[in-house]
Amino acid sequence: MEKGFTINACCSRVNIISETQTITLGEHLFLATIVHCSYCGSIKATTNIKEHKMAGDTIIVEKAGKTLKAEYFTTTNGCGCRFFINEEFIQEELYEGKSIAWAESAASNWLSGVKTLNG
């Protein structure tokens, strides 16, 4: 930025930055975005808090007399899956940096027999 240029009259040396933090309250997840001047700390009007919807779903398949269930979901750092046989929890896998589509594929692959679980 040019010397002497100000935004929203905060200070003469402006460096606007945006930082996002995840806040968990009970079972609810929020994304707080703080937009501020790194020099004076002045908060800008674009600062906001939004509820983060935990996208995901459950897939259930009957196979060889057993009920297989896979739940896929997003996390703050990516996504994950929980695997169940006859409602008994088997394992959870987290996929850091991956999309919800990745988790959905992992769930589908396990239910179809393509993917095996470790442990």
N, C-alpha and C. Protein backbone atom coordinates (compact mmCIF):
# COMPACT_ATOMS: atom_id res chain seq x y z
N MET A 1 0.83 -1.18 0.00
CA MET A 1 0.00 0.00 0.00
C MET A 1 0.88 1.25 0.00
N GLU A 2 0.34 2.33 -0.53
CA GLU A 2 1.09 3.56 -0.59
C GLU A 2 1.17 4.21 0.78
N LYS A 3 2.27 4.88 1.03
CA LYS A 3 2.47 5.58 2.29
C LYS A 3 1.40 6.67 2.44
N GLY A 4 0.81 6.77 3.63
CA GLY A 4 -0.19 7.77 3.89
C GLY A 4 -1.60 7.37 3.49
N PHE A 5 -1.77 6.23 2.82
CA PHE A 5 -3.09 5.77 2.40
C PHE A 5 -3.80 5.14 3.59
N THR A 6 -5.05 5.53 3.83
CA THR A 6 -5.80 4.95 4.95
C THR A 6 -7.08 4.30 4.45
N ILE A 7 -7.51 3.28 5.15
CA ILE A 7 -8.77 2.61 4.88
C ILE A 7 -9.61 2.72 6.14
N ASN A 8 -10.84 3.19 5.98
CA ASN A 8 -11.74 3.36 7.12
C ASN A 8 -11.09 4.15 8.26
N ALA A 9 -10.20 5.06 7.90
CA ALA A 9 -9.58 6.00 8.84
C ALA A 9 -8.92 5.32 10.04
N CYS A 10 -8.31 4.14 9.83
CA CYS A 10 -7.74 3.47 11.00
C CYS A 10 -6.36 4.02 11.36
N CYS A 11 -5.45 4.11 10.41
CA CYS A 11 -4.13 4.65 10.72
C CYS A 11 -3.41 5.00 9.42
N SER A 12 -2.26 5.63 9.52
CA SER A 12 -1.55 6.05 8.30
C SER A 12 -0.79 4.90 7.64
N ARG A 13 -0.54 3.86 8.38
CA ARG A 13 0.17 2.70 7.83
C ARG A 13 -0.77 1.50 7.92
N VAL A 14 -1.44 1.17 6.83
CA VAL A 14 -2.51 0.17 6.85
C VAL A 14 -2.03 -1.15 6.25
N ASN A 15 -2.34 -2.22 6.93
CA ASN A 15 -2.10 -3.56 6.40
C ASN A 15 -3.29 -4.41 6.82
N ILE A 16 -4.26 -4.54 5.91
CA ILE A 16 -5.49 -5.27 6.21
C ILE A 16 -5.23 -6.76 6.04
N ILE A 17 -5.54 -7.54 7.08
CA ILE A 17 -5.42 -8.98 7.01
C ILE A 17 -6.73 -9.62 7.47
N SER A 18 -6.94 -10.84 7.03
CA SER A 18 -8.14 -11.60 7.40
C SER A 18 -7.68 -12.93 7.99
N GLU A 19 -8.22 -13.25 9.15
CA GLU A 19 -7.89 -14.51 9.81
C GLU A 19 -9.19 -15.22 10.16
N THR A 20 -9.25 -16.53 9.92
CA THR A 20 -10.43 -17.31 10.24
C THR A 20 -10.08 -18.37 11.28
N GLN A 21 -10.91 -18.45 12.29
CA GLN A 21 -10.74 -19.45 13.35
C GLN A 21 -12.03 -20.25 13.47
N THR A 22 -11.89 -21.51 13.84
CA THR A 22 -13.05 -22.37 14.08
C THR A 22 -13.34 -22.36 15.56
N ILE A 23 -14.61 -22.19 15.89
CA ILE A 23 -15.05 -22.19 17.29
C ILE A 23 -16.11 -23.28 17.44
N THR A 24 -15.93 -24.16 18.41
CA THR A 24 -16.91 -25.22 18.67
C THR A 24 -17.62 -24.92 19.97
N LEU A 25 -18.94 -24.88 19.90
CA LEU A 25 -19.78 -24.69 21.09
C LEU A 25 -20.74 -25.86 21.15
N GLY A 26 -20.49 -26.79 22.06
CA GLY A 26 -21.29 -28.01 22.11
C GLY A 26 -21.09 -28.79 20.82
N GLU A 27 -22.17 -29.08 20.12
CA GLU A 27 -22.08 -29.81 18.85
C GLU A 27 -22.15 -28.87 17.65
N HIS A 28 -22.06 -27.57 17.89
CA HIS A 28 -22.16 -26.59 16.82
C HIS A 28 -20.79 -26.03 16.48
N LEU A 29 -20.55 -25.86 15.20
CA LEU A 29 -19.27 -25.37 14.72
C LEU A 29 -19.49 -24.02 14.05
N PHE A 30 -18.64 -23.04 14.38
CA PHE A 30 -18.73 -21.70 13.82
C PHE A 30 -17.39 -21.31 13.23
N LEU A 31 -17.44 -20.52 12.16
CA LEU A 31 -16.24 -19.95 11.57
C LEU A 31 -16.26 -18.46 11.85
N ALA A 32 -15.28 -17.97 12.57
CA ALA A 32 -15.17 -16.55 12.89
C ALA A 32 -14.07 -15.95 12.01
N THR A 33 -14.44 -14.98 11.19
CA THR A 33 -13.48 -14.30 10.32
C THR A 33 -13.27 -12.90 10.86
N ILE A 34 -12.04 -12.60 11.24
CA ILE A 34 -11.69 -11.29 11.79
C ILE A 34 -10.84 -10.58 10.74
N VAL A 35 -11.34 -9.45 10.26
CA VAL A 35 -10.62 -8.63 9.29
C VAL A 35 -10.17 -7.39 10.03
N HIS A 36 -8.85 -7.16 10.06
CA HIS A 36 -8.33 -6.04 10.85
C HIS A 36 -7.03 -5.51 10.27
N CYS A 37 -6.65 -4.35 10.75
CA CYS A 37 -5.37 -3.76 10.39
C CYS A 37 -4.32 -4.37 11.31
N SER A 38 -3.27 -4.95 10.72
CA SER A 38 -2.25 -5.61 11.55
C SER A 38 -1.41 -4.60 12.34
N TYR A 39 -1.45 -3.33 11.97
CA TYR A 39 -0.66 -2.32 12.68
C TYR A 39 -1.40 -1.76 13.89
N CYS A 40 -2.66 -1.36 13.70
CA CYS A 40 -3.37 -0.72 14.82
C CYS A 40 -4.43 -1.63 15.44
N GLY A 41 -4.77 -2.75 14.78
CA GLY A 41 -5.75 -3.69 15.33
C GLY A 41 -7.19 -3.32 15.06
N SER A 42 -7.41 -2.24 14.33
CA SER A 42 -8.77 -1.79 14.05
C SER A 42 -9.55 -2.87 13.30
N ILE A 43 -10.72 -3.25 13.83
CA ILE A 43 -11.58 -4.26 13.22
C ILE A 43 -12.34 -3.62 12.07
N LYS A 44 -12.44 -4.32 10.95
CA LYS A 44 -13.12 -3.82 9.75
C LYS A 44 -14.53 -4.39 9.67
N ALA A 45 -15.37 -3.74 8.90
CA ALA A 45 -16.80 -4.08 8.80
C ALA A 45 -17.04 -5.47 8.24
N THR A 46 -16.08 -6.06 7.55
CA THR A 46 -16.28 -7.39 6.96
C THR A 46 -16.05 -8.53 7.95
N THR A 47 -15.73 -8.21 9.20
CA THR A 47 -15.59 -9.22 10.25
C THR A 47 -16.95 -9.90 10.45
N ASN A 48 -16.93 -11.25 10.59
CA ASN A 48 -18.20 -11.96 10.74
C ASN A 48 -18.03 -13.30 11.43
N ILE A 49 -19.15 -13.84 11.90
CA ILE A 49 -19.22 -15.20 12.44
C ILE A 49 -20.35 -15.91 11.72
N LYS A 50 -20.06 -17.11 11.19
CA LYS A 50 -21.05 -17.89 10.46
C LYS A 50 -21.08 -19.31 11.01
N GLU A 51 -22.27 -19.90 11.03
CA GLU A 51 -22.37 -21.30 11.42
C GLU A 51 -21.81 -22.14 10.29
N HIS A 52 -20.98 -23.10 10.63
CA HIS A 52 -20.39 -24.00 9.64
C HIS A 52 -21.21 -25.28 9.63
N LYS A 53 -21.86 -25.54 8.52
CA LYS A 53 -22.68 -26.74 8.40
C LYS A 53 -21.76 -27.95 8.21
N MET A 54 -21.95 -28.94 9.04
CA MET A 54 -21.15 -30.16 8.96
C MET A 54 -21.76 -31.07 7.90
N ALA A 55 -21.33 -30.85 6.66
CA ALA A 55 -21.86 -31.65 5.55
C ALA A 55 -21.49 -33.11 5.73
N GLY A 56 -22.32 -33.96 5.21
CA GLY A 56 -22.06 -35.38 5.28
C GLY A 56 -23.35 -36.17 5.23
N ASP A 57 -23.20 -37.48 5.34
CA ASP A 57 -24.38 -38.33 5.23
C ASP A 57 -24.02 -39.72 5.74
N THR A 58 -25.02 -40.59 5.70
CA THR A 58 -24.85 -41.98 6.11
C THR A 58 -25.28 -42.88 4.97
N ILE A 59 -24.49 -43.92 4.72
CA ILE A 59 -24.84 -44.93 3.71
C ILE A 59 -24.96 -46.27 4.44
N ILE A 60 -26.05 -46.99 4.19
CA ILE A 60 -26.27 -48.29 4.84
C ILE A 60 -26.48 -49.34 3.76
N VAL A 61 -25.82 -50.48 3.92
CA VAL A 61 -25.91 -51.58 2.96
C VAL A 61 -26.11 -52.88 3.73
N GLU A 62 -27.00 -53.73 3.24
CA GLU A 62 -27.17 -55.08 3.78
C GLU A 62 -26.30 -56.00 2.93
N LYS A 63 -25.41 -56.77 3.60
CA LYS A 63 -24.49 -57.63 2.87
C LYS A 63 -24.18 -58.87 3.71
N ALA A 64 -24.43 -60.04 3.14
CA ALA A 64 -24.13 -61.33 3.79
C ALA A 64 -24.74 -61.41 5.19
N GLY A 65 -25.97 -60.94 5.32
CA GLY A 65 -26.66 -61.01 6.60
C GLY A 65 -26.22 -59.97 7.62
N LYS A 66 -25.39 -59.02 7.22
CA LYS A 66 -24.90 -57.97 8.13
C LYS A 66 -25.33 -56.61 7.61
N THR A 67 -25.52 -55.69 8.53
CA THR A 67 -25.80 -54.30 8.16
C THR A 67 -24.51 -53.51 8.27
N LEU A 68 -24.03 -53.01 7.13
CA LEU A 68 -22.83 -52.18 7.09
C LEU A 68 -23.26 -50.73 6.98
N LYS A 69 -22.66 -49.89 7.81
CA LYS A 69 -23.01 -48.47 7.79
C LYS A 69 -21.73 -47.65 7.79
N ALA A 70 -21.72 -46.62 6.94
CA ALA A 70 -20.60 -45.69 6.89
C ALA A 70 -21.15 -44.27 6.99
N GLU A 71 -20.65 -43.51 7.93
CA GLU A 71 -21.01 -42.10 8.08
C GLU A 71 -19.82 -41.28 7.60
N TYR A 72 -20.05 -40.35 6.69
CA TYR A 72 -18.96 -39.47 6.27
C TYR A 72 -19.32 -38.04 6.63
N PHE A 73 -18.29 -37.23 6.94
CA PHE A 73 -18.51 -35.91 7.52
C PHE A 73 -17.32 -35.01 7.24
N THR A 74 -17.54 -33.70 7.38
CA THR A 74 -16.44 -32.75 7.27
C THR A 74 -15.88 -32.47 8.66
N THR A 75 -14.63 -32.05 8.69
CA THR A 75 -13.97 -31.62 9.91
C THR A 75 -13.38 -30.24 9.64
N THR A 76 -12.79 -29.65 10.64
CA THR A 76 -12.17 -28.34 10.43
C THR A 76 -10.96 -28.41 9.52
N ASN A 77 -10.33 -29.57 9.41
CA ASN A 77 -9.13 -29.73 8.59
C ASN A 77 -9.31 -30.64 7.40
N GLY A 78 -10.52 -31.06 7.11
CA GLY A 78 -10.75 -31.99 5.99
C GLY A 78 -12.06 -32.72 6.13
N CYS A 79 -11.98 -34.04 6.28
CA CYS A 79 -13.19 -34.86 6.38
C CYS A 79 -12.85 -36.18 7.06
N GLY A 80 -13.86 -37.04 7.18
CA GLY A 80 -13.63 -38.34 7.80
C GLY A 80 -14.79 -39.29 7.59
N CYS A 81 -14.59 -40.52 8.05
CA CYS A 81 -15.62 -41.57 7.98
C CYS A 81 -15.63 -42.35 9.28
N ARG A 82 -16.82 -42.80 9.66
CA ARG A 82 -16.99 -43.76 10.76
C ARG A 82 -17.63 -45.00 10.17
N PHE A 83 -17.13 -46.16 10.55
CA PHE A 83 -17.59 -47.43 9.99
C PHE A 83 -18.22 -48.29 11.08
N PHE A 84 -19.36 -48.91 10.74
CA PHE A 84 -20.11 -49.73 11.69
C PHE A 84 -20.53 -51.03 11.02
N ILE A 85 -20.56 -52.11 11.80
CA ILE A 85 -21.15 -53.38 11.36
C ILE A 85 -22.19 -53.75 12.40
N ASN A 86 -23.45 -53.94 11.94
CA ASN A 86 -24.58 -54.23 12.84
C ASN A 86 -24.64 -53.22 13.99
N GLU A 87 -24.49 -51.94 13.66
CA GLU A 87 -24.55 -50.82 14.61
C GLU A 87 -23.40 -50.80 15.61
N GLU A 88 -22.43 -51.69 15.46
CA GLU A 88 -21.25 -51.68 16.34
C GLU A 88 -20.16 -50.87 15.67
N PHE A 89 -19.66 -49.86 16.38
CA PHE A 89 -18.59 -49.00 15.86
C PHE A 89 -17.33 -49.84 15.62
N ILE A 90 -16.77 -49.71 14.41
CA ILE A 90 -15.56 -50.46 14.06
C ILE A 90 -14.33 -49.55 14.06
N GLN A 91 -14.44 -48.43 13.34
CA GLN A 91 -13.26 -47.58 13.19
C GLN A 91 -13.66 -46.21 12.66
N GLU A 92 -12.84 -45.20 12.96
CA GLU A 92 -12.99 -43.87 12.39
C GLU A 92 -11.70 -43.53 11.66
N GLU A 93 -11.83 -42.93 10.50
CA GLU A 93 -10.67 -42.46 9.73
C GLU A 93 -10.86 -40.98 9.45
N LEU A 94 -9.78 -40.20 9.63
CA LEU A 94 -9.80 -38.77 9.31
C LEU A 94 -8.87 -38.54 8.13
N TYR A 95 -9.31 -37.70 7.20
CA TYR A 95 -8.57 -37.42 5.97
C TYR A 95 -8.26 -35.93 5.93
N GLU A 96 -7.12 -35.55 6.51
CA GLU A 96 -6.74 -34.14 6.58
C GLU A 96 -6.49 -33.58 5.19
N GLY A 97 -7.07 -32.41 4.92
CA GLY A 97 -6.86 -31.73 3.65
C GLY A 97 -7.68 -32.28 2.50
N LYS A 98 -8.53 -33.26 2.75
CA LYS A 98 -9.36 -33.86 1.69
C LYS A 98 -10.77 -33.30 1.72
N SER A 99 -11.50 -33.45 0.62
CA SER A 99 -12.85 -32.92 0.49
C SER A 99 -13.88 -33.94 0.98
N ILE A 100 -15.13 -33.48 1.13
CA ILE A 100 -16.22 -34.37 1.53
C ILE A 100 -16.44 -35.45 0.47
N ALA A 101 -16.15 -35.14 -0.80
CA ALA A 101 -16.28 -36.14 -1.86
C ALA A 101 -15.29 -37.29 -1.63
N TRP A 102 -14.12 -36.98 -1.10
CA TRP A 102 -13.12 -38.01 -0.78
C TRP A 102 -13.69 -38.96 0.28
N ALA A 103 -14.29 -38.39 1.33
CA ALA A 103 -14.86 -39.20 2.40
C ALA A 103 -16.03 -40.04 1.89
N GLU A 104 -16.85 -39.46 1.03
CA GLU A 104 -17.97 -40.21 0.47
C GLU A 104 -17.46 -41.39 -0.36
N SER A 105 -16.39 -41.19 -1.11
CA SER A 105 -15.79 -42.28 -1.90
C SER A 105 -15.24 -43.36 -0.98
N ALA A 106 -14.59 -42.96 0.10
CA ALA A 106 -14.04 -43.94 1.05
C ALA A 106 -15.18 -44.77 1.65
N ALA A 107 -16.28 -44.13 2.00
CA ALA A 107 -17.44 -44.84 2.56
C ALA A 107 -18.01 -45.82 1.54
N SER A 108 -18.20 -45.37 0.31
CA SER A 108 -18.74 -46.23 -0.75
C SER A 108 -17.82 -47.39 -1.06
N ASN A 109 -16.51 -47.11 -1.09
CA ASN A 109 -15.54 -48.16 -1.39
C ASN A 109 -15.52 -49.24 -0.31
N TRP A 110 -15.66 -48.85 0.95
CA TRP A 110 -15.70 -49.84 2.03
C TRP A 110 -16.97 -50.68 1.92
N LEU A 111 -18.09 -50.03 1.68
CA LEU A 111 -19.36 -50.75 1.59
C LEU A 111 -19.40 -51.71 0.41
N SER A 112 -18.68 -51.40 -0.66
CA SER A 112 -18.67 -52.28 -1.84
C SER A 112 -17.59 -53.35 -1.77
N GLY A 113 -16.71 -53.26 -0.74
CA GLY A 113 -15.66 -54.27 -0.59
C GLY A 113 -14.34 -53.90 -1.22
N VAL A 114 -14.26 -52.73 -1.85
CA VAL A 114 -13.01 -52.29 -2.49
C VAL A 114 -11.98 -51.85 -1.43
N LYS A 115 -12.46 -51.21 -0.38
CA LYS A 115 -11.59 -50.68 0.68
C LYS A 115 -11.62 -51.60 1.90
N THR A 116 -10.46 -51.85 2.48
CA THR A 116 -10.39 -52.59 3.74
C THR A 116 -9.96 -51.62 4.84
N LEU A 117 -10.35 -51.91 6.06
CA LEU A 117 -10.01 -51.07 7.19
C LEU A 117 -8.76 -51.61 7.87
N ASN A 118 -7.91 -50.71 8.32
CA ASN A 118 -6.72 -51.11 9.08
C ASN A 118 -7.06 -51.16 10.54
N GLY A 119 -6.55 -52.14 11.22
CA GLY A 119 -6.75 -52.22 12.67
C GLY A 119 -7.84 -53.02 13.04
